[in-house]
Amino acid sequence: MSGFVMNILPRSALAAAAALFLAACGQQVEAPLAGAKIGGPFELTSANGQRAGDRQLAGQYRIMYFGYTHCPDVCPVDMRYISDGLAAFEKSDPDRGSKVTPVFVTVDPVRDTPAALAEWKRDLHPRLVAFTGSRPELEKVVRQFGAYGAKSGEHQMAGMHDAHEAYLVDHSRVALLMGPNGEPIAILPQEQGPKAIAAELDKYVA
């Protein structure tokens, strides 16, 4: 089982902040992560081999998730829940649902080539954008979003290993909802399943 680390912000603090905000269905509320120093401009390589990044996502809410395609447990489940949660939100409100783009950023640049990402994301949400890049590029983006990724037992991102080598990558397990201008909004409860994700999107997507 691959390890994972939750190290962006303490969930207890987020829960306390979130408890201050109540909303009826479809009513937007104040963002728990408003003002947090998370995110920023970035450019990586997408699954189609083209350079892209935050500029191509401008105007879209983004669900940012950091993981890797060889993850044996949490990444496939989380990305399935994120995909299905967004699909449920789109079904209930197509206009607002179309404003949300799920984004997957690998923490395993050796094995997660553009071709590998393209194959892996095929069965997930049709608008999922997946990124890879060089090790320095990915390390920078991981830091910007307060995430973490390192080969199990090491203190650095997986990136200096053979593509055919079998290894696990410890990584943060957090789905960040970012706003149309790249501003942090909230941590989505992806571990609670699609219904919980859809409900949170309904709170924060205008």
N, C-alpha and C. Protein backbone atom coordinates (compact mmCIF):
# COMPACT_ATOMS: atom_id res chain seq x y z
N MET A 1 0.85 -1.19 0.00
CA MET A 1 0.00 0.00 0.00
C MET A 1 0.88 1.24 0.00
N SER A 2 0.60 2.17 -0.88
CA SER A 2 1.45 3.35 -0.94
C SER A 2 1.14 4.26 0.23
N GLY A 3 2.17 4.99 0.68
CA GLY A 3 1.95 5.93 1.77
C GLY A 3 1.41 7.24 1.25
N PHE A 4 0.84 8.01 2.14
CA PHE A 4 0.43 9.36 1.75
C PHE A 4 0.52 10.26 2.95
N VAL A 5 0.69 11.54 2.68
CA VAL A 5 0.86 12.52 3.74
C VAL A 5 -0.12 13.65 3.51
N MET A 6 -0.80 14.09 4.54
CA MET A 6 -1.68 15.25 4.44
C MET A 6 -0.99 16.39 5.15
N ASN A 7 -0.42 17.33 4.38
CA ASN A 7 0.41 18.34 5.01
C ASN A 7 0.17 19.74 4.51
N ILE A 8 -0.99 20.01 3.92
CA ILE A 8 -1.23 21.35 3.43
C ILE A 8 -1.65 22.25 4.58
N LEU A 9 -2.74 21.92 5.24
CA LEU A 9 -3.19 22.66 6.41
C LEU A 9 -3.83 21.66 7.36
N PRO A 10 -3.77 21.89 8.65
CA PRO A 10 -4.40 20.95 9.59
C PRO A 10 -5.89 20.87 9.34
N ARG A 11 -6.41 19.65 9.25
CA ARG A 11 -7.84 19.49 9.00
C ARG A 11 -8.67 20.04 10.15
N SER A 12 -8.13 19.99 11.37
CA SER A 12 -8.88 20.52 12.51
C SER A 12 -9.14 22.01 12.33
N ALA A 13 -8.11 22.73 11.84
CA ALA A 13 -8.27 24.17 11.62
C ALA A 13 -9.28 24.43 10.51
N LEU A 14 -9.21 23.60 9.46
CA LEU A 14 -10.14 23.78 8.36
C LEU A 14 -11.56 23.48 8.79
N ALA A 15 -11.71 22.45 9.60
CA ALA A 15 -13.04 22.09 10.06
C ALA A 15 -13.64 23.22 10.90
N ALA A 16 -12.80 23.82 11.74
CA ALA A 16 -13.28 24.92 12.58
C ALA A 16 -13.71 26.10 11.73
N ALA A 17 -12.90 26.38 10.69
CA ALA A 17 -13.25 27.50 9.81
C ALA A 17 -14.53 27.19 9.05
N ALA A 18 -14.59 25.96 8.53
CA ALA A 18 -15.76 25.60 7.72
C ALA A 18 -17.03 25.63 8.55
N ALA A 19 -16.92 25.35 9.85
CA ALA A 19 -18.10 25.31 10.71
C ALA A 19 -18.75 26.68 10.84
N LEU A 20 -18.02 27.72 10.50
CA LEU A 20 -18.55 29.07 10.61
C LEU A 20 -19.48 29.42 9.46
N PHE A 21 -19.45 28.58 8.41
CA PHE A 21 -20.19 28.91 7.20
C PHE A 21 -21.27 27.87 6.94
N LEU A 22 -22.51 28.33 6.87
CA LEU A 22 -23.63 27.46 6.55
C LEU A 22 -24.25 27.96 5.26
N ALA A 23 -24.74 27.02 4.44
CA ALA A 23 -25.34 27.45 3.18
C ALA A 23 -26.47 26.52 2.78
N ALA A 24 -27.47 27.09 2.16
CA ALA A 24 -28.51 26.28 1.56
C ALA A 24 -27.98 25.74 0.24
N CYS A 25 -28.65 24.74 -0.29
CA CYS A 25 -28.20 24.12 -1.55
C CYS A 25 -28.10 25.17 -2.64
N GLY A 26 -26.97 25.21 -3.31
CA GLY A 26 -26.78 26.12 -4.42
C GLY A 26 -26.37 27.52 -4.02
N GLN A 27 -26.24 27.79 -2.74
CA GLN A 27 -25.85 29.12 -2.28
C GLN A 27 -24.36 29.13 -1.96
N GLN A 28 -23.58 30.01 -2.62
CA GLN A 28 -22.15 30.06 -2.39
C GLN A 28 -21.84 30.67 -1.02
N VAL A 29 -20.79 30.16 -0.39
CA VAL A 29 -20.40 30.63 0.93
C VAL A 29 -18.95 31.08 0.88
N GLU A 30 -18.53 31.72 1.96
CA GLU A 30 -17.16 32.21 2.03
C GLU A 30 -16.17 31.05 1.98
N ALA A 31 -15.08 31.24 1.28
CA ALA A 31 -14.09 30.18 1.09
C ALA A 31 -13.26 29.97 2.35
N PRO A 32 -13.19 28.75 2.87
CA PRO A 32 -12.37 28.49 4.06
C PRO A 32 -10.89 28.79 3.86
N LEU A 33 -10.40 28.63 2.62
CA LEU A 33 -8.98 28.84 2.36
C LEU A 33 -8.68 30.23 1.81
N ALA A 34 -9.64 31.12 1.87
CA ALA A 34 -9.43 32.48 1.34
C ALA A 34 -8.20 33.11 1.97
N GLY A 35 -7.30 33.59 1.14
CA GLY A 35 -6.09 34.25 1.62
C GLY A 35 -4.93 33.33 1.89
N ALA A 36 -5.12 32.02 1.81
CA ALA A 36 -4.02 31.09 2.05
C ALA A 36 -2.99 31.19 0.93
N LYS A 37 -1.73 31.02 1.28
CA LYS A 37 -0.65 31.12 0.29
C LYS A 37 -0.46 29.77 -0.40
N ILE A 38 -1.43 29.41 -1.22
CA ILE A 38 -1.43 28.15 -1.94
C ILE A 38 -1.67 28.44 -3.41
N GLY A 39 -0.88 27.80 -4.28
CA GLY A 39 -1.09 27.96 -5.72
C GLY A 39 -0.10 28.93 -6.35
N GLY A 40 -0.43 29.35 -7.56
CA GLY A 40 0.45 30.24 -8.31
C GLY A 40 0.57 29.79 -9.75
N PRO A 41 1.20 30.60 -10.59
CA PRO A 41 1.34 30.25 -12.00
C PRO A 41 2.25 29.04 -12.18
N PHE A 42 1.95 28.23 -13.19
CA PHE A 42 2.80 27.08 -13.49
C PHE A 42 2.63 26.69 -14.96
N GLU A 43 3.63 26.02 -15.48
CA GLU A 43 3.57 25.46 -16.83
C GLU A 43 4.23 24.09 -16.80
N LEU A 44 3.52 23.08 -17.27
CA LEU A 44 4.01 21.71 -17.28
C LEU A 44 3.70 21.09 -18.65
N THR A 45 3.83 19.79 -18.75
CA THR A 45 3.54 19.08 -19.99
C THR A 45 2.27 18.26 -19.80
N SER A 46 1.29 18.50 -20.65
CA SER A 46 0.01 17.81 -20.51
C SER A 46 0.08 16.41 -21.12
N ALA A 47 -1.00 15.66 -20.94
CA ALA A 47 -1.05 14.29 -21.45
C ALA A 47 -1.00 14.23 -22.97
N ASN A 48 -1.29 15.32 -23.65
CA ASN A 48 -1.18 15.32 -25.12
C ASN A 48 0.21 15.77 -25.58
N GLY A 49 1.12 15.96 -24.64
CA GLY A 49 2.49 16.31 -24.99
C GLY A 49 2.73 17.80 -25.17
N GLN A 50 1.69 18.61 -25.01
CA GLN A 50 1.81 20.05 -25.19
C GLN A 50 2.10 20.74 -23.87
N ARG A 51 2.82 21.85 -23.95
CA ARG A 51 3.07 22.66 -22.75
C ARG A 51 1.79 23.43 -22.42
N ALA A 52 1.41 23.38 -21.16
CA ALA A 52 0.19 24.06 -20.72
C ALA A 52 0.28 24.29 -19.22
N GLY A 53 -0.69 25.04 -18.70
CA GLY A 53 -0.66 25.31 -17.26
C GLY A 53 -1.80 26.17 -16.83
N ASP A 54 -1.54 27.06 -15.89
CA ASP A 54 -2.62 27.86 -15.31
C ASP A 54 -3.28 28.80 -16.32
N ARG A 55 -2.54 29.22 -17.33
CA ARG A 55 -3.14 30.12 -18.32
C ARG A 55 -4.26 29.44 -19.09
N GLN A 56 -4.06 28.16 -19.39
CA GLN A 56 -5.08 27.41 -20.11
C GLN A 56 -6.29 27.09 -19.23
N LEU A 57 -6.11 27.21 -17.92
CA LEU A 57 -7.20 26.95 -16.98
C LEU A 57 -7.90 28.22 -16.52
N ALA A 58 -7.45 29.36 -17.02
CA ALA A 58 -8.02 30.64 -16.60
C ALA A 58 -9.53 30.66 -16.81
N GLY A 59 -10.25 31.15 -15.81
CA GLY A 59 -11.70 31.22 -15.88
C GLY A 59 -12.39 29.97 -15.39
N GLN A 60 -11.63 28.91 -15.13
CA GLN A 60 -12.18 27.65 -14.65
C GLN A 60 -11.86 27.43 -13.17
N TYR A 61 -12.82 26.90 -12.43
CA TYR A 61 -12.50 26.35 -11.12
C TYR A 61 -11.67 25.09 -11.38
N ARG A 62 -10.70 24.81 -10.50
CA ARG A 62 -9.86 23.64 -10.70
C ARG A 62 -9.86 22.77 -9.44
N ILE A 63 -9.97 21.49 -9.62
CA ILE A 63 -9.78 20.54 -8.53
C ILE A 63 -8.37 19.98 -8.70
N MET A 64 -7.44 20.41 -7.87
CA MET A 64 -6.04 20.02 -7.99
C MET A 64 -5.74 18.80 -7.12
N TYR A 65 -5.18 17.77 -7.74
CA TYR A 65 -4.82 16.56 -7.00
C TYR A 65 -3.43 16.12 -7.44
N PHE A 66 -2.59 15.75 -6.47
CA PHE A 66 -1.23 15.31 -6.75
C PHE A 66 -1.09 13.83 -6.39
N GLY A 67 -0.64 13.03 -7.35
CA GLY A 67 -0.50 11.60 -7.14
C GLY A 67 0.31 10.97 -8.24
N TYR A 68 0.10 9.69 -8.48
CA TYR A 68 0.84 9.02 -9.55
C TYR A 68 0.06 7.82 -10.06
N THR A 69 0.27 7.45 -11.32
CA THR A 69 -0.57 6.45 -11.98
C THR A 69 -0.32 5.03 -11.49
N HIS A 70 0.87 4.76 -10.93
CA HIS A 70 1.17 3.43 -10.42
C HIS A 70 0.72 3.25 -8.97
N CYS A 71 0.08 4.24 -8.42
CA CYS A 71 -0.43 4.16 -7.05
C CYS A 71 -1.41 2.98 -6.94
N PRO A 72 -1.18 2.06 -6.01
CA PRO A 72 -2.02 0.87 -5.95
C PRO A 72 -3.34 1.04 -5.20
N ASP A 73 -3.53 2.17 -4.54
CA ASP A 73 -4.72 2.27 -3.71
C ASP A 73 -5.39 3.64 -3.74
N VAL A 74 -4.82 4.66 -3.07
CA VAL A 74 -5.57 5.89 -2.85
C VAL A 74 -5.82 6.71 -4.12
N CYS A 75 -4.85 6.82 -5.02
CA CYS A 75 -5.03 7.67 -6.21
C CYS A 75 -6.17 7.19 -7.11
N PRO A 76 -6.24 5.90 -7.44
CA PRO A 76 -7.36 5.47 -8.29
C PRO A 76 -8.72 5.72 -7.64
N VAL A 77 -8.81 5.48 -6.34
CA VAL A 77 -10.08 5.70 -5.65
C VAL A 77 -10.42 7.18 -5.59
N ASP A 78 -9.46 8.00 -5.20
CA ASP A 78 -9.71 9.44 -5.10
C ASP A 78 -10.10 10.03 -6.44
N MET A 79 -9.39 9.67 -7.49
CA MET A 79 -9.69 10.24 -8.81
C MET A 79 -11.02 9.74 -9.34
N ARG A 80 -11.40 8.51 -9.00
CA ARG A 80 -12.72 8.02 -9.38
C ARG A 80 -13.81 8.81 -8.67
N TYR A 81 -13.61 9.06 -7.37
CA TYR A 81 -14.58 9.83 -6.61
C TYR A 81 -14.67 11.26 -7.11
N ILE A 82 -13.51 11.87 -7.39
CA ILE A 82 -13.51 13.24 -7.92
C ILE A 82 -14.25 13.29 -9.26
N SER A 83 -13.96 12.35 -10.14
CA SER A 83 -14.61 12.31 -11.45
C SER A 83 -16.11 12.13 -11.32
N ASP A 84 -16.52 11.17 -10.49
CA ASP A 84 -17.95 10.90 -10.33
C ASP A 84 -18.66 12.04 -9.59
N GLY A 85 -17.96 12.67 -8.63
CA GLY A 85 -18.55 13.79 -7.91
C GLY A 85 -18.79 14.97 -8.83
N LEU A 86 -17.82 15.26 -9.68
CA LEU A 86 -18.00 16.35 -10.64
C LEU A 86 -19.11 16.01 -11.63
N ALA A 87 -19.17 14.76 -12.08
CA ALA A 87 -20.22 14.35 -13.01
C ALA A 87 -21.60 14.53 -12.38
N ALA A 88 -21.72 14.20 -11.10
CA ALA A 88 -23.00 14.37 -10.41
C ALA A 88 -23.37 15.84 -10.30
N PHE A 89 -22.38 16.68 -10.01
CA PHE A 89 -22.63 18.13 -9.93
C PHE A 89 -23.03 18.67 -11.29
N GLU A 90 -22.37 18.22 -12.34
CA GLU A 90 -22.71 18.65 -13.70
C GLU A 90 -24.15 18.26 -14.05
N LYS A 91 -24.54 17.07 -13.62
CA LYS A 91 -25.90 16.60 -13.92
C LYS A 91 -26.93 17.47 -13.22
N SER A 92 -26.64 17.87 -11.99
CA SER A 92 -27.60 18.67 -11.23
C SER A 92 -27.61 20.13 -11.68
N ASP A 93 -26.47 20.62 -12.18
CA ASP A 93 -26.37 22.02 -12.60
C ASP A 93 -25.34 22.10 -13.73
N PRO A 94 -25.76 21.83 -14.97
CA PRO A 94 -24.82 21.79 -16.09
C PRO A 94 -24.01 23.07 -16.29
N ASP A 95 -24.65 24.23 -16.08
CA ASP A 95 -23.94 25.48 -16.31
C ASP A 95 -22.78 25.65 -15.34
N ARG A 96 -23.04 25.45 -14.04
CA ARG A 96 -21.96 25.59 -13.07
C ARG A 96 -20.97 24.43 -13.16
N GLY A 97 -21.47 23.25 -13.46
CA GLY A 97 -20.59 22.09 -13.58
C GLY A 97 -19.56 22.25 -14.68
N SER A 98 -19.95 22.93 -15.75
CA SER A 98 -19.03 23.12 -16.87
C SER A 98 -17.88 24.06 -16.53
N LYS A 99 -18.00 24.76 -15.40
CA LYS A 99 -16.96 25.70 -15.00
C LYS A 99 -15.84 25.04 -14.19
N VAL A 100 -15.94 23.73 -13.95
CA VAL A 100 -14.98 23.03 -13.10
C VAL A 100 -14.14 22.06 -13.92
N THR A 101 -12.82 22.14 -13.76
CA THR A 101 -11.90 21.24 -14.44
C THR A 101 -11.09 20.46 -13.41
N PRO A 102 -11.13 19.12 -13.45
CA PRO A 102 -10.26 18.34 -12.57
C PRO A 102 -8.84 18.30 -13.12
N VAL A 103 -7.86 18.45 -12.24
CA VAL A 103 -6.45 18.50 -12.66
C VAL A 103 -5.65 17.49 -11.84
N PHE A 104 -4.92 16.63 -12.53
CA PHE A 104 -4.05 15.65 -11.88
C PHE A 104 -2.60 16.00 -12.21
N VAL A 105 -1.77 16.16 -11.18
CA VAL A 105 -0.35 16.45 -11.36
C VAL A 105 0.45 15.29 -10.77
N THR A 106 1.30 14.68 -11.57
CA THR A 106 2.05 13.53 -11.08
C THR A 106 3.19 13.93 -10.15
N VAL A 107 3.51 13.04 -9.23
CA VAL A 107 4.71 13.20 -8.41
C VAL A 107 5.73 12.11 -8.77
N ASP A 108 5.52 11.48 -9.91
CA ASP A 108 6.39 10.39 -10.39
C ASP A 108 6.74 10.63 -11.85
N PRO A 109 7.62 11.60 -12.14
CA PRO A 109 7.88 11.99 -13.53
C PRO A 109 8.55 10.92 -14.37
N VAL A 110 9.24 9.97 -13.77
CA VAL A 110 9.92 8.94 -14.56
C VAL A 110 8.92 8.03 -15.27
N ARG A 111 7.97 7.51 -14.53
CA ARG A 111 7.01 6.58 -15.13
C ARG A 111 5.81 7.28 -15.74
N ASP A 112 5.45 8.44 -15.22
CA ASP A 112 4.26 9.12 -15.72
C ASP A 112 4.61 10.05 -16.87
N THR A 113 4.85 9.45 -18.02
CA THR A 113 5.06 10.18 -19.26
C THR A 113 3.73 10.70 -19.78
N PRO A 114 3.72 11.61 -20.75
CA PRO A 114 2.44 12.04 -21.32
C PRO A 114 1.61 10.87 -21.83
N ALA A 115 2.25 9.90 -22.48
CA ALA A 115 1.50 8.75 -23.00
C ALA A 115 0.88 7.93 -21.87
N ALA A 116 1.63 7.76 -20.78
CA ALA A 116 1.11 7.01 -19.64
C ALA A 116 -0.07 7.74 -19.02
N LEU A 117 0.01 9.05 -18.90
CA LEU A 117 -1.08 9.83 -18.34
C LEU A 117 -2.32 9.78 -19.25
N ALA A 118 -2.09 9.84 -20.55
CA ALA A 118 -3.22 9.80 -21.50
C ALA A 118 -3.98 8.49 -21.39
N GLU A 119 -3.25 7.39 -21.25
CA GLU A 119 -3.89 6.09 -21.10
C GLU A 119 -4.61 5.98 -19.77
N TRP A 120 -3.96 6.44 -18.72
CA TRP A 120 -4.50 6.30 -17.36
C TRP A 120 -5.78 7.09 -17.16
N LYS A 121 -5.87 8.28 -17.74
CA LYS A 121 -7.02 9.15 -17.49
C LYS A 121 -8.20 8.84 -18.40
N ARG A 122 -8.03 7.88 -19.27
CA ARG A 122 -9.06 7.60 -20.28
C ARG A 122 -10.41 7.23 -19.66
N ASP A 123 -10.40 6.52 -18.55
CA ASP A 123 -11.65 6.07 -17.93
C ASP A 123 -12.15 7.00 -16.83
N LEU A 124 -11.51 8.16 -16.70
CA LEU A 124 -11.93 9.13 -15.69
C LEU A 124 -12.75 10.24 -16.35
N HIS A 125 -12.90 11.37 -15.66
CA HIS A 125 -13.73 12.44 -16.21
C HIS A 125 -13.19 12.91 -17.56
N PRO A 126 -14.07 13.11 -18.54
CA PRO A 126 -13.60 13.47 -19.89
C PRO A 126 -12.84 14.79 -19.97
N ARG A 127 -13.04 15.67 -19.00
CA ARG A 127 -12.33 16.94 -19.03
C ARG A 127 -11.13 16.97 -18.08
N LEU A 128 -10.78 15.81 -17.53
CA LEU A 128 -9.61 15.75 -16.65
C LEU A 128 -8.35 16.16 -17.41
N VAL A 129 -7.58 17.07 -16.83
CA VAL A 129 -6.30 17.50 -17.38
C VAL A 129 -5.20 16.88 -16.51
N ALA A 130 -4.25 16.20 -17.15
CA ALA A 130 -3.18 15.55 -16.41
C ALA A 130 -1.84 16.13 -16.83
N PHE A 131 -0.97 16.38 -15.86
CA PHE A 131 0.31 17.02 -16.13
C PHE A 131 1.48 16.19 -15.62
N THR A 132 2.56 16.23 -16.37
CA THR A 132 3.86 15.74 -15.94
C THR A 132 4.88 16.82 -16.27
N GLY A 133 6.15 16.49 -16.13
CA GLY A 133 7.20 17.46 -16.42
C GLY A 133 8.53 16.97 -15.91
N SER A 134 9.51 17.82 -15.92
CA SER A 134 10.80 17.46 -15.36
C SER A 134 10.69 17.43 -13.84
N ARG A 135 11.64 16.79 -13.23
CA ARG A 135 11.62 16.72 -11.77
C ARG A 135 11.64 18.12 -11.14
N PRO A 136 12.54 19.04 -11.55
CA PRO A 136 12.53 20.39 -10.95
C PRO A 136 11.21 21.12 -11.16
N GLU A 137 10.62 20.98 -12.36
CA GLU A 137 9.34 21.64 -12.62
C GLU A 137 8.26 21.15 -11.68
N LEU A 138 8.18 19.84 -11.52
CA LEU A 138 7.15 19.28 -10.67
C LEU A 138 7.38 19.60 -9.20
N GLU A 139 8.64 19.57 -8.78
CA GLU A 139 8.93 19.91 -7.39
C GLU A 139 8.47 21.33 -7.07
N LYS A 140 8.66 22.23 -8.02
CA LYS A 140 8.24 23.62 -7.82
C LYS A 140 6.72 23.71 -7.66
N VAL A 141 5.99 23.04 -8.54
CA VAL A 141 4.53 23.10 -8.48
C VAL A 141 4.01 22.42 -7.22
N VAL A 142 4.61 21.30 -6.86
CA VAL A 142 4.22 20.61 -5.63
C VAL A 142 4.36 21.53 -4.43
N ARG A 143 5.48 22.24 -4.37
CA ARG A 143 5.70 23.18 -3.25
C ARG A 143 4.67 24.31 -3.28
N GLN A 144 4.40 24.85 -4.47
CA GLN A 144 3.44 25.96 -4.59
C GLN A 144 2.08 25.61 -4.00
N PHE A 145 1.68 24.35 -4.18
CA PHE A 145 0.36 23.93 -3.72
C PHE A 145 0.40 23.24 -2.37
N GLY A 146 1.54 23.34 -1.69
CA GLY A 146 1.65 22.79 -0.35
C GLY A 146 1.55 21.29 -0.30
N ALA A 147 1.82 20.63 -1.41
CA ALA A 147 1.71 19.17 -1.49
C ALA A 147 3.06 18.53 -1.20
N TYR A 148 3.13 17.21 -1.40
CA TYR A 148 4.33 16.45 -1.07
C TYR A 148 4.39 15.21 -1.94
N GLY A 149 5.59 14.82 -2.36
CA GLY A 149 5.76 13.57 -3.10
C GLY A 149 7.20 13.11 -3.02
N ALA A 150 7.42 11.88 -2.58
CA ALA A 150 8.77 11.34 -2.47
C ALA A 150 8.72 9.83 -2.58
N LYS A 151 9.72 9.26 -3.23
CA LYS A 151 9.81 7.81 -3.29
C LYS A 151 9.83 7.27 -1.87
N SER A 152 9.06 6.23 -1.63
CA SER A 152 8.92 5.68 -0.29
C SER A 152 10.29 5.40 0.33
N GLY A 153 10.52 5.97 1.52
CA GLY A 153 11.79 5.78 2.21
C GLY A 153 12.83 6.81 1.88
N GLU A 154 12.52 7.75 0.95
CA GLU A 154 13.46 8.79 0.58
C GLU A 154 12.88 10.15 0.92
N HIS A 155 13.69 11.19 0.72
CA HIS A 155 13.26 12.53 1.10
C HIS A 155 13.16 13.45 -0.11
N GLN A 156 12.93 12.87 -1.27
CA GLN A 156 12.80 13.69 -2.45
C GLN A 156 11.82 13.05 -3.42
N MET A 157 11.31 13.85 -4.33
CA MET A 157 10.36 13.35 -5.29
C MET A 157 10.97 12.24 -6.13
N ALA A 158 10.15 11.24 -6.47
CA ALA A 158 10.63 10.19 -7.36
C ALA A 158 11.02 10.81 -8.69
N GLY A 159 12.20 10.53 -9.17
CA GLY A 159 12.59 11.14 -10.43
C GLY A 159 13.94 10.71 -10.93
N MET A 160 14.70 9.95 -10.17
CA MET A 160 16.04 9.54 -10.59
C MET A 160 16.11 8.01 -10.63
N HIS A 161 15.07 7.39 -11.15
CA HIS A 161 14.99 5.95 -11.11
C HIS A 161 14.63 5.40 -12.49
N ASP A 162 14.82 4.13 -12.69
CA ASP A 162 14.49 3.48 -13.95
C ASP A 162 12.98 3.42 -14.11
N ALA A 163 12.50 3.66 -15.34
CA ALA A 163 11.07 3.69 -15.59
C ALA A 163 10.41 2.33 -15.35
N HIS A 164 11.18 1.27 -15.39
CA HIS A 164 10.61 -0.07 -15.19
C HIS A 164 10.77 -0.55 -13.76
N GLU A 165 11.38 0.24 -12.92
CA GLU A 165 11.57 -0.14 -11.53
C GLU A 165 10.24 -0.06 -10.78
N ALA A 166 10.01 -1.03 -9.93
CA ALA A 166 8.80 -1.04 -9.12
C ALA A 166 9.09 -0.33 -7.80
N TYR A 167 8.36 0.72 -7.51
CA TYR A 167 8.53 1.44 -6.25
C TYR A 167 7.24 2.18 -5.93
N LEU A 168 7.08 2.52 -4.68
CA LEU A 168 5.94 3.30 -4.23
C LEU A 168 6.37 4.74 -3.99
N VAL A 169 5.42 5.65 -4.04
CA VAL A 169 5.70 7.06 -3.82
C VAL A 169 4.78 7.55 -2.70
N ASP A 170 5.39 8.05 -1.63
CA ASP A 170 4.61 8.71 -0.59
C ASP A 170 4.15 10.07 -1.11
N HIS A 171 2.91 10.41 -0.88
CA HIS A 171 2.42 11.71 -1.39
C HIS A 171 1.27 12.20 -0.54
N SER A 172 1.04 13.51 -0.61
CA SER A 172 -0.09 14.11 0.09
C SER A 172 -1.38 13.65 -0.58
N ARG A 173 -2.41 13.54 0.23
CA ARG A 173 -3.71 13.10 -0.29
C ARG A 173 -4.74 14.18 -0.03
N VAL A 174 -4.74 15.18 -0.88
CA VAL A 174 -5.63 16.32 -0.71
C VAL A 174 -6.14 16.77 -2.08
N ALA A 175 -7.43 17.04 -2.17
CA ALA A 175 -8.02 17.61 -3.38
C ALA A 175 -8.35 19.06 -3.10
N LEU A 176 -7.64 19.96 -3.76
CA LEU A 176 -7.81 21.40 -3.55
C LEU A 176 -8.74 22.00 -4.59
N LEU A 177 -9.76 22.71 -4.14
CA LEU A 177 -10.60 23.47 -5.06
C LEU A 177 -10.03 24.87 -5.17
N MET A 178 -9.65 25.23 -6.40
CA MET A 178 -9.11 26.55 -6.69
C MET A 178 -10.11 27.31 -7.54
N GLY A 179 -10.12 28.62 -7.41
CA GLY A 179 -11.09 29.45 -8.12
C GLY A 179 -10.68 29.78 -9.54
N PRO A 180 -11.52 30.52 -10.27
CA PRO A 180 -11.27 30.86 -11.67
C PRO A 180 -10.00 31.66 -11.91
N ASN A 181 -9.52 32.35 -10.88
CA ASN A 181 -8.27 33.11 -10.99
C ASN A 181 -7.12 32.39 -10.29
N GLY A 182 -7.32 31.12 -9.95
CA GLY A 182 -6.27 30.35 -9.29
C GLY A 182 -6.22 30.53 -7.80
N GLU A 183 -7.23 31.17 -7.20
CA GLU A 183 -7.24 31.42 -5.77
C GLU A 183 -7.71 30.18 -5.01
N PRO A 184 -7.12 29.89 -3.85
CA PRO A 184 -7.55 28.72 -3.08
C PRO A 184 -8.92 28.95 -2.45
N ILE A 185 -9.77 27.94 -2.52
CA ILE A 185 -11.13 28.04 -1.98
C ILE A 185 -11.34 27.08 -0.82
N ALA A 186 -11.13 25.78 -1.05
CA ALA A 186 -11.45 24.80 -0.01
C ALA A 186 -10.75 23.48 -0.32
N ILE A 187 -10.64 22.65 0.70
CA ILE A 187 -10.21 21.27 0.53
C ILE A 187 -11.46 20.42 0.38
N LEU A 188 -11.54 19.66 -0.70
CA LEU A 188 -12.70 18.81 -0.94
C LEU A 188 -12.54 17.48 -0.21
N PRO A 189 -13.63 16.93 0.33
CA PRO A 189 -13.57 15.67 1.07
C PRO A 189 -13.62 14.46 0.13
N GLN A 190 -12.61 14.31 -0.71
CA GLN A 190 -12.66 13.26 -1.73
C GLN A 190 -12.73 11.86 -1.12
N GLU A 191 -12.22 11.71 0.10
CA GLU A 191 -12.25 10.40 0.73
C GLU A 191 -13.66 10.01 1.17
N GLN A 192 -14.60 10.96 1.15
CA GLN A 192 -15.98 10.67 1.56
C GLN A 192 -16.87 10.27 0.40
N GLY A 193 -16.33 10.31 -0.82
CA GLY A 193 -17.10 9.84 -1.96
C GLY A 193 -17.69 10.94 -2.82
N PRO A 194 -18.28 10.53 -3.96
CA PRO A 194 -18.79 11.49 -4.95
C PRO A 194 -19.86 12.44 -4.42
N LYS A 195 -20.79 11.94 -3.59
CA LYS A 195 -21.87 12.81 -3.10
C LYS A 195 -21.33 13.96 -2.28
N ALA A 196 -20.32 13.67 -1.46
CA ALA A 196 -19.72 14.73 -0.64
C ALA A 196 -19.00 15.76 -1.51
N ILE A 197 -18.34 15.30 -2.54
CA ILE A 197 -17.65 16.22 -3.46
C ILE A 197 -18.66 17.10 -4.18
N ALA A 198 -19.72 16.49 -4.70
CA ALA A 198 -20.75 17.26 -5.41
C ALA A 198 -21.37 18.32 -4.49
N ALA A 199 -21.59 17.96 -3.24
CA ALA A 199 -22.18 18.90 -2.29
C ALA A 199 -21.26 20.09 -2.03
N GLU A 200 -19.95 19.83 -1.93
CA GLU A 200 -19.00 20.91 -1.70
C GLU A 200 -18.89 21.80 -2.94
N LEU A 201 -18.90 21.23 -4.12
CA LEU A 201 -18.87 22.03 -5.35
C LEU A 201 -20.10 22.93 -5.41
N ASP A 202 -21.23 22.41 -4.98
CA ASP A 202 -22.47 23.20 -4.99
C ASP A 202 -22.36 24.40 -4.07
N LYS A 203 -21.57 24.27 -3.00
CA LYS A 203 -21.38 25.40 -2.07
C LYS A 203 -20.55 26.52 -2.68
N TYR A 204 -19.50 26.15 -3.39
CA TYR A 204 -18.47 27.14 -3.72
C TYR A 204 -18.40 27.58 -5.19
N VAL A 205 -19.00 26.83 -6.08
CA VAL A 205 -18.92 27.21 -7.50
C VAL A 205 -20.05 28.15 -7.84
N ALA A 206 -19.71 29.33 -8.31
CA ALA A 206 -20.72 30.35 -8.61
C ALA A 206 -21.28 30.17 -10.03
